[in-house]
Amino acid sequence: MSIRVMLVDDQVLLRTGFRMVLAAQPDMEVVAEAGDGVEALEVLRSTAVDVVLMDVRMPKLDGVETTRRICSDPEAPKVLILTTFDLDEYAFSGLKAGASGFMLKDVPPAELLGAIRSVHSGDAVVAPSTTRRLLDRFSPMLPSSGKAPEHKGLERLTDREREVMMLVAQGLSNGEIAARLVLSEATVKTHVGRILTKLGLRDRVQVVVLAYETGLVRAGGGAF
């Protein structure tokens, strides 16, 4: 079954380019397009979509607020933020709003296609190295007062799961976490899955945001 993709961007030429790339894939289909957030929300009411490629800067309703409204529905499609500038503050806001990742608009086609497939399968597409740079820039905007974390789900985590969560929040990949804790990657993946379930999160991007917002991890990468 093809991955149903929606393109949301106010630039028609950009949507055309993305559509041509996706149309050449046997496992993807562009089922809808929109030029702004208001139109996107309207189209989604009557169109089944798996992944939304979302621009952040659009008229009427920007991509961040559109993403927030889309992701407020538990059955919502996955959202992949597309931004012109690396580590754009709008992209970070989009991740907080529920997006499963972000990429630059000039990303090579192969990487874009891989990202769409990853998001569709439930993974995040913010690379660990990008996560580190993202947090280096934006973590000062998040609480780091040293107060005890406040999130009901955190109490349900085992010591090992909390340990894995803090390493995810520091931008480590599953392989790096496995090496650090002397575990198999499969075991780490299982822990990450349990963390997502217990905390009610969509993907590891939201794990990162939650860890910093609750103060579980300090700005700069250290754990409390």
Foldseek 3Di string as FASTA:
>chain_A
DAAEEEEEALDPVLVVVLQVLQVVDPRYHHPYYYNALVVVVVVVVPDDHAEYEAEADGPPHGRLVSLLVQVVDVPGHAYEYEYQDQLPVSQVSNLVSAHLEYDYSPDPSVLVVVQSVQVSVQEGNQALVSLQVNLLPCLVVADQPPDAFDAVLVVVQDPVLLVLLLVLLNSDDLVRVCVVVVHDSVVSVVSQVVSCVSRVGRYSSVSNVSCSNRNQAHRVRHGD
